[in-house]
């Protein structure tokens, strides 16, 4: 459905999150999305930042 990225002050992409429709069919009700993947280069608190951005 969509992707979210986090960059540092220099504009270097440090983390990404991908969101899509749920894998399980019973959760695919047209209103539910699922974070299917996150990836960081080890920067501190990047996953928390991504999950917060995805939720909003």
N, C-alpha and C. Protein backbone atom coordinates (compact mmCIF):
# COMPACT_ATOMS: atom_id res chain seq x y z
N UNK A 1 0.82 -1.18 0.00
CA UNK A 1 0.00 0.00 0.00
C UNK A 1 0.88 1.26 0.00
N UNK A 2 1.82 1.33 0.99
CA UNK A 2 2.71 2.48 1.03
C UNK A 2 3.98 2.15 1.82
N UNK A 3 4.98 3.01 1.67
CA UNK A 3 6.25 2.88 2.38
C UNK A 3 6.56 4.18 3.09
N UNK A 4 7.29 4.09 4.20
CA UNK A 4 7.71 5.25 4.97
C UNK A 4 9.21 5.13 5.19
N UNK A 5 9.92 6.24 5.07
CA UNK A 5 11.36 6.23 5.30
C UNK A 5 11.75 7.28 6.32
N UNK A 6 12.92 7.07 6.93
CA UNK A 6 13.46 8.03 7.90
C UNK A 6 14.87 8.39 7.45
N UNK A 7 15.12 9.70 7.37
CA UNK A 7 16.43 10.19 6.93
C UNK A 7 17.06 11.01 8.05
N UNK A 8 18.38 11.09 8.04
CA UNK A 8 19.08 11.91 9.03
C UNK A 8 19.16 13.37 8.54
N UNK A 9 19.87 14.20 9.30
CA UNK A 9 19.96 15.63 8.96
C UNK A 9 20.66 15.88 7.63
N UNK A 10 21.51 14.95 7.21
CA UNK A 10 22.22 15.09 5.94
C UNK A 10 21.40 14.59 4.76
N UNK A 11 20.21 14.04 5.03
CA UNK A 11 19.35 13.54 3.97
C UNK A 11 19.61 12.10 3.57
N UNK A 12 20.40 11.39 4.36
CA UNK A 12 20.71 9.99 4.08
C UNK A 12 19.59 9.11 4.65
N UNK A 13 19.03 8.26 3.81
CA UNK A 13 17.97 7.35 4.24
C UNK A 13 18.54 6.33 5.20
N UNK A 14 17.98 6.25 6.42
CA UNK A 14 18.52 5.37 7.45
C UNK A 14 17.60 4.21 7.79
N UNK A 15 16.28 4.31 7.49
CA UNK A 15 15.34 3.25 7.85
C UNK A 15 14.11 3.34 6.96
N UNK A 16 13.49 2.18 6.73
CA UNK A 16 12.26 2.12 5.93
C UNK A 16 11.28 1.15 6.56
N UNK A 17 9.99 1.37 6.27
CA UNK A 17 8.93 0.45 6.69
C UNK A 17 7.96 0.30 5.52
N UNK A 18 7.52 -0.94 5.28
CA UNK A 18 6.56 -1.22 4.22
C UNK A 18 5.25 -1.69 4.84
N UNK A 19 4.15 -1.14 4.34
CA UNK A 19 2.83 -1.45 4.84
C UNK A 19 1.99 -1.99 3.69
N UNK A 20 1.25 -3.07 3.96
CA UNK A 20 0.43 -3.67 2.90
C UNK A 20 -0.84 -4.25 3.51
N UNK A 21 -1.62 -4.88 2.66
CA UNK A 21 -2.81 -5.57 3.12
C UNK A 21 -2.40 -6.76 3.99
N UNK A 22 -3.25 -7.17 4.93
CA UNK A 22 -2.90 -8.29 5.80
C UNK A 22 -2.65 -9.58 5.02
N UNK A 23 -1.72 -10.38 5.52
CA UNK A 23 -1.41 -11.66 4.91
C UNK A 23 -2.54 -12.66 5.19
N UNK A 24 -3.06 -12.66 6.42
CA UNK A 24 -4.15 -13.57 6.80
C UNK A 24 -5.47 -13.07 6.21
N UNK A 25 -6.17 -13.93 5.52
CA UNK A 25 -7.41 -13.52 4.86
C UNK A 25 -8.49 -13.04 5.83
N UNK A 26 -8.55 -13.61 7.02
CA UNK A 26 -9.62 -13.22 7.95
C UNK A 26 -9.44 -11.80 8.48
N UNK A 27 -8.24 -11.23 8.38
CA UNK A 27 -8.01 -9.85 8.79
C UNK A 27 -8.15 -8.86 7.64
N UNK A 28 -8.32 -9.36 6.43
CA UNK A 28 -8.44 -8.50 5.26
C UNK A 28 -9.89 -8.03 5.12
N UNK A 29 -10.25 -7.04 5.94
CA UNK A 29 -11.62 -6.54 5.98
C UNK A 29 -11.79 -5.20 5.26
N UNK A 30 -10.75 -4.74 4.59
CA UNK A 30 -10.83 -3.47 3.88
C UNK A 30 -10.44 -2.27 4.71
N UNK A 31 -10.25 -2.45 6.03
CA UNK A 31 -9.87 -1.35 6.91
C UNK A 31 -8.54 -1.61 7.61
N UNK A 32 -8.06 -2.82 7.58
CA UNK A 32 -6.87 -3.21 8.31
C UNK A 32 -5.65 -3.24 7.39
N UNK A 33 -4.55 -2.68 7.87
CA UNK A 33 -3.27 -2.76 7.17
C UNK A 33 -2.26 -3.42 8.09
N UNK A 34 -1.18 -3.90 7.51
CA UNK A 34 -0.17 -4.63 8.27
C UNK A 34 1.22 -4.11 7.91
N UNK A 35 2.04 -3.88 8.92
CA UNK A 35 3.44 -3.55 8.67
C UNK A 35 4.12 -4.88 8.33
N UNK A 36 4.54 -5.01 7.09
CA UNK A 36 5.10 -6.28 6.65
C UNK A 36 6.61 -6.33 6.78
N UNK A 37 7.29 -5.18 6.80
CA UNK A 37 8.74 -5.21 6.86
C UNK A 37 9.28 -3.88 7.36
N UNK A 38 10.29 -3.94 8.19
CA UNK A 38 11.07 -2.75 8.55
C UNK A 38 12.54 -3.08 8.38
N UNK A 39 13.31 -2.06 8.08
CA UNK A 39 14.74 -2.26 7.90
C UNK A 39 15.46 -0.98 8.32
N UNK A 40 16.53 -1.14 9.10
CA UNK A 40 17.34 0.00 9.52
C UNK A 40 18.81 -0.33 9.34
N UNK A 41 19.63 0.68 9.43
CA UNK A 41 21.07 0.45 9.40
C UNK A 41 21.64 0.42 10.82
N UNK A 42 20.78 0.26 11.81
CA UNK A 42 21.21 0.16 13.20
C UNK A 42 21.09 1.45 13.98
N UNK A 43 20.56 2.48 13.36
CA UNK A 43 20.41 3.75 14.05
C UNK A 43 19.41 3.57 15.21
N UNK A 44 19.70 4.22 16.31
CA UNK A 44 18.92 4.06 17.53
C UNK A 44 17.49 4.61 17.38
N UNK A 45 16.50 3.88 17.86
CA UNK A 45 15.07 4.24 17.91
C UNK A 45 14.42 4.40 16.53
N UNK A 46 15.04 3.90 15.49
CA UNK A 46 14.48 4.05 14.15
C UNK A 46 13.17 3.28 13.99
N UNK A 47 13.09 2.07 14.53
CA UNK A 47 11.85 1.30 14.39
C UNK A 47 10.69 1.97 15.11
N UNK A 48 10.93 2.52 16.28
CA UNK A 48 9.87 3.24 17.00
C UNK A 48 9.39 4.43 16.19
N UNK A 49 10.31 5.16 15.59
CA UNK A 49 9.97 6.30 14.75
C UNK A 49 9.11 5.86 13.57
N UNK A 50 9.49 4.76 12.94
CA UNK A 50 8.75 4.25 11.78
C UNK A 50 7.35 3.79 12.16
N UNK A 51 7.24 3.01 13.23
CA UNK A 51 5.92 2.54 13.66
C UNK A 51 5.00 3.69 14.03
N UNK A 52 5.54 4.72 14.65
CA UNK A 52 4.74 5.91 14.96
C UNK A 52 4.26 6.61 13.71
N UNK A 53 5.15 6.73 12.73
CA UNK A 53 4.77 7.38 11.47
C UNK A 53 3.71 6.56 10.71
N UNK A 54 3.88 5.26 10.71
CA UNK A 54 2.92 4.39 10.02
C UNK A 54 1.55 4.47 10.69
N UNK A 55 1.53 4.51 12.00
CA UNK A 55 0.25 4.58 12.74
C UNK A 55 -0.48 5.88 12.42
N UNK A 56 0.24 6.99 12.34
CA UNK A 56 -0.39 8.26 12.02
C UNK A 56 -0.86 8.28 10.59
